[in-house]
Amino acid sequence: MANLVCWRCGASLKDLPLPITRLMQCKACNADLHVCRMCQFYNPGLHQKCDHDMAEPAREVDIANFCDYFKPRADAYTATEKSRADAARAQLEALFGGDDKTGATDKDAQQSAKDRFDSLFKD
């Protein structure tokens, strides 16, 4: 079997004994590992998210379940979750003036933000 990685953080699971049981968790992020998102049959494009004919659909795809058809897949981790979070954080910093790279002090940044705000309401 290919080198498995955690579906949530991408940490290697090569030291993990197989088969993956319901109670196993990632040592790096404590994510449950016997979950739909870690399974070969997981298909987010389907209504029930499972491509197996006999499996019952899970209510939560990222919480440990008792599915007897679970087969871990090596490519379960996708960096899109992290990149979405990073993109959202960058947008918030741009909107609210997060890290100022110009070397301005907090007081300067606050005054600049106040000046921009005040300019919106000037006649």
Foldseek 3Di string as FASTA:
>chain_A
DDFAAALEPRHTPNVPDDDQDLCDADPVPRWGQQFQLQFPQQDVVDPLRGNDPPWDRDPDRRHRDDTPRGDGDRPSHDCPVVVVVVVVVVVVCVVQVNDDPPPDDPVVVVVVVVVVVVVVPDD
